[in-house]
Amino acid sequence: AGIMREARSGQNIFVDGDCGYGILEPDEAFACS
């Protein structure tokens, strides 16, 4: 819920299908891991 209000094409996004969540514009430490 609510992701269509916040998401914009071209942004980085992380998706976790095991735990059921997404993160818009994750920080570099998260992305590196």
All heavy atoms as atom14 arrays in JSON, in Angstrom:
{
  "sequence": "AGIMREARSGQNIFVDGDCGYGILEPDEAFACS",
  "atom14_mask": [
    [1, 1, 1, 1, 1, 0, 0, 0, 0, 0, 0, 0, 0, 0],
    [1, 1, 1, 1, 0, 0, 0, 0, 0, 0, 0, 0, 0, 0],
    [1, 1, 1, 1, 1, 1, 1, 1, 0, 0, 0, 0, 0, 0],
    [1, 1, 1, 1, 1, 1, 1, 1, 0, 0, 0, 0, 0, 0],
    [1, 1, 1, 1, 1, 1, 1, 1, 1, 1, 1, 0, 0, 0],
    [1, 1, 1, 1, 1, 1, 1, 1, 1, 0, 0, 0, 0, 0],
    [1, 1, 1, 1, 1, 0, 0, 0, 0, 0, 0, 0, 0, 0],
    [1, 1, 1, 1, 1, 1, 1, 1, 1, 1, 1, 0, 0, 0],
    [1, 1, 1, 1, 1, 1, 0, 0, 0, 0, 0, 0, 0, 0],
    [1, 1, 1, 1, 0, 0, 0, 0, 0, 0, 0, 0, 0, 0],
    [1, 1, 1, 1, 1, 1, 1, 1, 1, 0, 0, 0, 0, 0],
    [1, 1, 1, 1, 1, 1, 1, 1, 0, 0, 0, 0, 0, 0],
    [1, 1, 1, 1, 1, 1, 1, 1, 0, 0, 0, 0, 0, 0],
    [1, 1, 1, 1, 1, 1, 1, 1, 1, 1, 1, 0, 0, 0],
    [1, 1, 1, 1, 1, 1, 1, 0, 0, 0, 0, 0, 0, 0],
    [1, 1, 1, 1, 1, 1, 1, 1, 0, 0, 0, 0, 0, 0],
    [1, 1, 1, 1, 0, 0, 0, 0, 0, 0, 0, 0, 0, 0],
    [1, 1, 1, 1, 1, 1, 1, 1, 0, 0, 0, 0, 0, 0],
    [1, 1, 1, 1, 1, 1, 0, 0, 0, 0, 0, 0, 0, 0],
    [1, 1, 1, 1, 0, 0, 0, 0, 0, 0, 0, 0, 0, 0],
    [1, 1, 1, 1, 1, 1, 1, 1, 1, 1, 1, 1, 0, 0],
    [1, 1, 1, 1, 0, 0, 0, 0, 0, 0, 0, 0, 0, 0],
    [1, 1, 1, 1, 1, 1, 1, 1, 0, 0, 0, 0, 0, 0],
    [1, 1, 1, 1, 1, 1, 1, 1, 0, 0, 0, 0, 0, 0],
    [1, 1, 1, 1, 1, 1, 1, 1, 1, 0, 0, 0, 0, 0],
    [1, 1, 1, 1, 1, 1, 1, 0, 0, 0, 0, 0, 0, 0],
    [1, 1, 1, 1, 1, 1, 1, 1, 0, 0, 0, 0, 0, 0],
    [1, 1, 1, 1, 1, 1, 1, 1, 1, 0, 0, 0, 0, 0],
    [1, 1, 1, 1, 1, 0, 0, 0, 0, 0, 0, 0, 0, 0],
    [1, 1, 1, 1, 1, 1, 1, 1, 1, 1, 1, 0, 0, 0],
    [1, 1, 1, 1, 1, 0, 0, 0, 0, 0, 0, 0, 0, 0],
    [1, 1, 1, 1, 1, 1, 0, 0, 0, 0, 0, 0, 0, 0],
    [1, 1, 1, 1, 1, 1, 0, 0, 0, 0, 0, 0, 0, 0]
  ],
  "atom14_positions": [
    [[0.82, -1.21, 0.0], [0.0, 0.0, 0.0], [0.85, 1.26, 0.0], [1.84, 1.37, 0.73], [-0.92, 0.0, 1.22], [0.0, 0.0, 0.0], [0.0, 0.0, 0.0], [0.0, 0.0, 0.0], [0.0, 0.0, 0.0], [0.0, 0.0, 0.0], [0.0, 0.0, 0.0], [0.0, 0.0, 0.0], [0.0, 0.0, 0.0], [0.0, 0.0, 0.0]],
    [[0.47, 2.22, -0.86], [1.1, 3.52, -0.89], [2.29, 3.66, -1.81], [2.77, 4.78, -2.04], [0.0, 0.0, 0.0], [0.0, 0.0, 0.0], [0.0, 0.0, 0.0], [0.0, 0.0, 0.0], [0.0, 0.0, 0.0], [0.0, 0.0, 0.0], [0.0, 0.0, 0.0], [0.0, 0.0, 0.0], [0.0, 0.0, 0.0], [0.0, 0.0, 0.0]],
    [[2.76, 2.58, -2.38], [4.0, 2.67, -3.17], [3.81, 3.48, -4.45], [4.74, 4.14, -4.92], [4.57, 1.27, -3.47], [6.03, 1.4, -3.96], [3.7, 0.52, -4.48], [6.8, 0.12, -3.96], [0.0, 0.0, 0.0], [0.0, 0.0, 0.0], [0.0, 0.0, 0.0], [0.0, 0.0, 0.0], [0.0, 0.0, 0.0], [0.0, 0.0, 0.0]],
    [[2.61, 3.46, -5.02], [2.38, 4.2, -6.25], [2.45, 5.72, -6.04], [2.76, 6.47, -6.96], [1.03, 3.82, -6.86], [0.99, 2.44, -7.49], [2.07, 2.28, -8.92], [1.15, 3.2, -10.15], [0.0, 0.0, 0.0], [0.0, 0.0, 0.0], [0.0, 0.0, 0.0], [0.0, 0.0, 0.0], [0.0, 0.0, 0.0], [0.0, 0.0, 0.0]],
    [[2.18, 6.17, -4.82], [2.27, 7.61, -4.54], [3.71, 8.08, -4.47], [4.03, 9.22, -4.79], [1.6, 7.93, -3.19], [0.09, 7.92, -3.22], [-0.48, 8.62, -1.99], [0.08, 8.09, -0.75], [-0.44, 7.08, -0.07], [-1.52, 6.47, -0.52], [0.13, 6.65, 1.05], [0.0, 0.0, 0.0], [0.0, 0.0, 0.0], [0.0, 0.0, 0.0]],
    [[4.61, 7.17, -4.05], [5.99, 7.57, -3.78], [6.98, 7.2, -4.89], [7.97, 7.9, -5.1], [6.47, 6.92, -2.47], [5.6, 7.25, -1.26], [5.77, 8.68, -0.81], [6.81, 9.3, -1.13], [4.86, 9.2, -0.14], [0.0, 0.0, 0.0], [0.0, 0.0, 0.0], [0.0, 0.0, 0.0], [0.0, 0.0, 0.0], [0.0, 0.0, 0.0]],
    [[6.72, 6.1, -5.56], [7.7, 5.59, -6.54], [7.71, 6.43, -7.81], [6.66, 6.86, -8.29], [7.41, 4.14, -6.86], [0.0, 0.0, 0.0], [0.0, 0.0, 0.0], [0.0, 0.0, 0.0], [0.0, 0.0, 0.0], [0.0, 0.0, 0.0], [0.0, 0.0, 0.0], [0.0, 0.0, 0.0], [0.0, 0.0, 0.0], [0.0, 0.0, 0.0]],
    [[8.91, 6.63, -8.36], [9.1, 7.32, -9.63], [10.02, 6.48, -10.5], [11.01, 5.92, -10.01], [9.72, 8.71, -9.42], [8.89, 9.65, -8.53], [7.62, 10.1, -9.24], [6.84, 11.0, -8.41], [5.9, 10.61, -7.54], [5.63, 9.32, -7.41], [5.24, 11.5, -6.83], [0.0, 0.0, 0.0], [0.0, 0.0, 0.0], [0.0, 0.0, 0.0]],
    [[9.72, 6.41, -11.78], [10.59, 5.67, -12.7], [12.0, 6.23, -12.64], [12.2, 7.44, -12.62], [10.05, 5.75, -14.13], [8.83, 5.05, -14.25], [0.0, 0.0, 0.0], [0.0, 0.0, 0.0], [0.0, 0.0, 0.0], [0.0, 0.0, 0.0], [0.0, 0.0, 0.0], [0.0, 0.0, 0.0], [0.0, 0.0, 0.0], [0.0, 0.0, 0.0]],
    [[12.99, 5.33, -12.6], [14.39, 5.73, -12.56], [15.0, 5.67, -11.19], [16.24, 5.64, -11.04], [0.0, 0.0, 0.0], [0.0, 0.0, 0.0], [0.0, 0.0, 0.0], [0.0, 0.0, 0.0], [0.0, 0.0, 0.0], [0.0, 0.0, 0.0], [0.0, 0.0, 0.0], [0.0, 0.0, 0.0], [0.0, 0.0, 0.0], [0.0, 0.0, 0.0]],
    [[14.17, 5.63, -10.13], [14.71, 5.5, -8.78], [15.26, 4.09, -8.57], [14.81, 3.14, -9.19], [13.61, 5.75, -7.74], [13.11, 7.17, -7.63], [12.0, 7.28, -6.6], [11.04, 6.51, -6.62], [12.13, 8.25, -5.7], [0.0, 0.0, 0.0], [0.0, 0.0, 0.0], [0.0, 0.0, 0.0], [0.0, 0.0, 0.0], [0.0, 0.0, 0.0]],
    [[16.22, 3.95, -7.66], [16.67, 2.63, -7.27], [15.64, 2.04, -6.3], [15.08, 2.75, -5.46], [18.04, 2.69, -6.57], [19.16, 2.91, -7.55], [19.07, 2.49, -8.71], [20.22, 3.55, -7.11], [0.0, 0.0, 0.0], [0.0, 0.0, 0.0], [0.0, 0.0, 0.0], [0.0, 0.0, 0.0], [0.0, 0.0, 0.0], [0.0, 0.0, 0.0]],
    [[15.41, 0.76, -6.43], [14.46, 0.09, -5.55], [14.94, -1.32, -5.25], [15.49, -2.01, -6.11], [13.04, 0.07, -6.17], [12.0, -0.39, -5.15], [12.99, -0.79, -7.42], [10.56, -0.16, -5.59], [0.0, 0.0, 0.0], [0.0, 0.0, 0.0], [0.0, 0.0, 0.0], [0.0, 0.0, 0.0], [0.0, 0.0, 0.0], [0.0, 0.0, 0.0]],
    [[14.75, -1.73, -4.01], [15.1, -3.09, -3.57], [13.81, -3.83, -3.29], [12.88, -3.29, -2.68], [15.95, -3.02, -2.29], [16.18, -4.36, -1.64], [17.12, -5.24, -2.16], [15.46, -4.74, -0.51], [17.33, -6.48, -1.57], [15.66, -5.97, 0.09], [16.61, -6.84, -0.44], [0.0, 0.0, 0.0], [0.0, 0.0, 0.0], [0.0, 0.0, 0.0]],
    [[13.73, -5.09, -3.72], [12.56, -5.9, -3.46], [12.98, -7.2, -2.78], [13.95, -7.84, -3.19], [11.78, -6.21, -4.77], [12.65, -6.89, -5.8], [10.55, -7.07, -4.48], [0.0, 0.0, 0.0], [0.0, 0.0, 0.0], [0.0, 0.0, 0.0], [0.0, 0.0, 0.0], [0.0, 0.0, 0.0], [0.0, 0.0, 0.0], [0.0, 0.0, 0.0]],
    [[12.27, -7.55, -1.72], [12.52, -8.8, -0.99], [11.23, -9.61, -1.02], [10.29, -9.35, -0.27], [12.93, -8.51, 0.45], [13.39, -9.78, 1.19], [12.81, -10.85, 0.92], [14.31, -9.69, 2.01], [0.0, 0.0, 0.0], [0.0, 0.0, 0.0], [0.0, 0.0, 0.0], [0.0, 0.0, 0.0], [0.0, 0.0, 0.0], [0.0, 0.0, 0.0]],
    [[11.2, -10.59, -1.91], [10.0, -11.41, -2.07], [9.85, -12.47, -1.0], [8.78, -13.06, -0.85], [0.0, 0.0, 0.0], [0.0, 0.0, 0.0], [0.0, 0.0, 0.0], [0.0, 0.0, 0.0], [0.0, 0.0, 0.0], [0.0, 0.0, 0.0], [0.0, 0.0, 0.0], [0.0, 0.0, 0.0], [0.0, 0.0, 0.0], [0.0, 0.0, 0.0]],
    [[10.91, -12.74, -0.23], [10.82, -13.71, 0.86], [10.12, -13.1, 2.07], [9.31, -13.76, 2.73], [12.22, -14.18, 1.27], [12.9, -14.97, 0.16], [12.32, -15.96, -0.3], [14.02, -14.59, -0.24], [0.0, 0.0, 0.0], [0.0, 0.0, 0.0], [0.0, 0.0, 0.0], [0.0, 0.0, 0.0], [0.0, 0.0, 0.0], [0.0, 0.0, 0.0]],
    [[10.45, -11.85, 2.37], [9.89, -11.19, 3.56], [8.74, -10.24, 3.22], [8.05, -9.77, 4.13], [10.99, -10.43, 4.31], [12.31, -11.51, 4.89], [0.0, 0.0, 0.0], [0.0, 0.0, 0.0], [0.0, 0.0, 0.0], [0.0, 0.0, 0.0], [0.0, 0.0, 0.0], [0.0, 0.0, 0.0], [0.0, 0.0, 0.0], [0.0, 0.0, 0.0]],
    [[8.55, -9.93, 1.94], [7.41, -9.13, 1.53], [7.54, -7.64, 1.75], [6.65, -7.0, 2.34], [0.0, 0.0, 0.0], [0.0, 0.0, 0.0], [0.0, 0.0, 0.0], [0.0, 0.0, 0.0], [0.0, 0.0, 0.0], [0.0, 0.0, 0.0], [0.0, 0.0, 0.0], [0.0, 0.0, 0.0], [0.0, 0.0, 0.0], [0.0, 0.0, 0.0]],
    [[8.63, -7.06, 1.27], [8.75, -5.6, 1.36], [9.63, -5.06, 0.24], [10.37, -5.82, -0.43], [9.31, -5.17, 2.73], [10.76, -5.53, 2.98], [11.8, -4.65, 2.62], [11.11, -6.74, 3.59], [13.13, -4.99, 2.84], [12.43, -7.08, 3.82], [13.44, -6.2, 3.45], [14.76, -6.52, 3.67], [0.0, 0.0, 0.0], [0.0, 0.0, 0.0]],
    [[9.55, -3.74, 0.04], [10.4, -3.06, -0.92], [10.98, -1.82, -0.26], [10.37, -1.24, 0.65], [0.0, 0.0, 0.0], [0.0, 0.0, 0.0], [0.0, 0.0, 0.0], [0.0, 0.0, 0.0], [0.0, 0.0, 0.0], [0.0, 0.0, 0.0], [0.0, 0.0, 0.0], [0.0, 0.0, 0.0], [0.0, 0.0, 0.0], [0.0, 0.0, 0.0]],
    [[12.15, -1.39, -0.73], [12.8, -0.18, -0.19], [13.14, 0.74, -1.36], [13.88, 0.35, -2.27], [14.07, -0.51, 0.6], [13.73, -1.35, 1.84], [14.79, 0.78, 1.01], [14.97, -1.79, 2.61], [0.0, 0.0, 0.0], [0.0, 0.0, 0.0], [0.0, 0.0, 0.0], [0.0, 0.0, 0.0], [0.0, 0.0, 0.0], [0.0, 0.0, 0.0]],
    [[12.59, 1.93, -1.33], [12.93, 2.95, -2.33], [14.19, 3.68, -1.94], [14.36, 4.07, -0.77], [11.79, 3.97, -2.45], [10.67, 3.66, -3.46], [9.57, 4.7, -3.33], [11.2, 3.63, -4.88], [0.0, 0.0, 0.0], [0.0, 0.0, 0.0], [0.0, 0.0, 0.0], [0.0, 0.0, 0.0], [0.0, 0.0, 0.0], [0.0, 0.0, 0.0]],
    [[15.1, 3.85, -2.9], [16.36, 4.56, -2.71], [17.13, 4.08, -1.48], [17.41, 4.84, -0.55], [16.1, 6.07, -2.6], [15.46, 6.69, -3.85], [16.44, 6.82, -5.02], [17.34, 5.97, -5.16], [16.29, 7.77, -5.79], [0.0, 0.0, 0.0], [0.0, 0.0, 0.0], [0.0, 0.0, 0.0], [0.0, 0.0, 0.0], [0.0, 0.0, 0.0]],
    [[17.51, 2.78, -1.43], [18.3, 2.27, -0.3], [19.67, 2.94, -0.27], [20.2, 3.33, -1.31], [18.42, 0.78, -0.6], [18.23, 0.66, -2.08], [17.27, 1.74, -2.45], [0.0, 0.0, 0.0], [0.0, 0.0, 0.0], [0.0, 0.0, 0.0], [0.0, 0.0, 0.0], [0.0, 0.0, 0.0], [0.0, 0.0, 0.0], [0.0, 0.0, 0.0]],
    [[20.25, 3.06, 0.95], [21.55, 3.73, 1.05], [22.66, 2.83, 0.52], [22.47, 1.63, 0.27], [21.82, 4.19, 2.48], [21.85, 3.03, 3.47], [22.28, 1.93, 3.1], [21.42, 3.24, 4.63], [0.0, 0.0, 0.0], [0.0, 0.0, 0.0], [0.0, 0.0, 0.0], [0.0, 0.0, 0.0], [0.0, 0.0, 0.0], [0.0, 0.0, 0.0]],
    [[23.86, 3.38, 0.38], [24.96, 2.68, -0.28], [25.42, 1.46, 0.51], [25.79, 0.43, -0.07], [26.14, 3.64, -0.49], [27.28, 3.06, -1.31], [26.83, 2.48, -2.66], [25.94, 3.07, -3.31], [27.37, 1.43, -3.07], [0.0, 0.0, 0.0], [0.0, 0.0, 0.0], [0.0, 0.0, 0.0], [0.0, 0.0, 0.0], [0.0, 0.0, 0.0]],
    [[25.4, 1.54, 1.84], [25.83, 0.4, 2.65], [24.91, -0.8, 2.42], [25.37, -1.95, 2.29], [25.83, 0.79, 4.13], [0.0, 0.0, 0.0], [0.0, 0.0, 0.0], [0.0, 0.0, 0.0], [0.0, 0.0, 0.0], [0.0, 0.0, 0.0], [0.0, 0.0, 0.0], [0.0, 0.0, 0.0], [0.0, 0.0, 0.0], [0.0, 0.0, 0.0]],
    [[23.62, -0.54, 2.36], [22.64, -1.59, 2.11], [22.86, -2.18, 0.72], [22.89, -3.4, 0.54], [21.22, -1.01, 2.23], [20.13, -2.03, 2.04], [19.54, -2.62, 3.14], [19.7, -2.4, 0.77], [18.53, -3.57, 2.97], [18.7, -3.34, 0.59], [18.12, -3.93, 1.71], [0.0, 0.0, 0.0], [0.0, 0.0, 0.0], [0.0, 0.0, 0.0]],
    [[23.03, -1.32, -0.27], [23.2, -1.77, -1.65], [24.47, -2.6, -1.82], [24.48, -3.61, -2.52], [23.23, -0.56, -2.58], [0.0, 0.0, 0.0], [0.0, 0.0, 0.0], [0.0, 0.0, 0.0], [0.0, 0.0, 0.0], [0.0, 0.0, 0.0], [0.0, 0.0, 0.0], [0.0, 0.0, 0.0], [0.0, 0.0, 0.0], [0.0, 0.0, 0.0]],
    [[25.53, -2.19, -1.14], [26.81, -2.9, -1.24], [26.7, -4.31, -0.67], [27.18, -5.27, -1.26], [27.89, -2.11, -0.5], [29.54, -2.82, -0.67], [0.0, 0.0, 0.0], [0.0, 0.0, 0.0], [0.0, 0.0, 0.0], [0.0, 0.0, 0.0], [0.0, 0.0, 0.0], [0.0, 0.0, 0.0], [0.0, 0.0, 0.0], [0.0, 0.0, 0.0]],
    [[26.03, -4.45, 0.46], [25.84, -5.75, 1.09], [25.03, -6.68, 0.18], [25.35, -7.85, 0.02], [25.13, -5.57, 2.43], [24.81, -6.82, 2.99], [0.0, 0.0, 0.0], [0.0, 0.0, 0.0], [0.0, 0.0, 0.0], [0.0, 0.0, 0.0], [0.0, 0.0, 0.0], [0.0, 0.0, 0.0], [0.0, 0.0, 0.0], [0.0, 0.0, 0.0]]
  ]
}
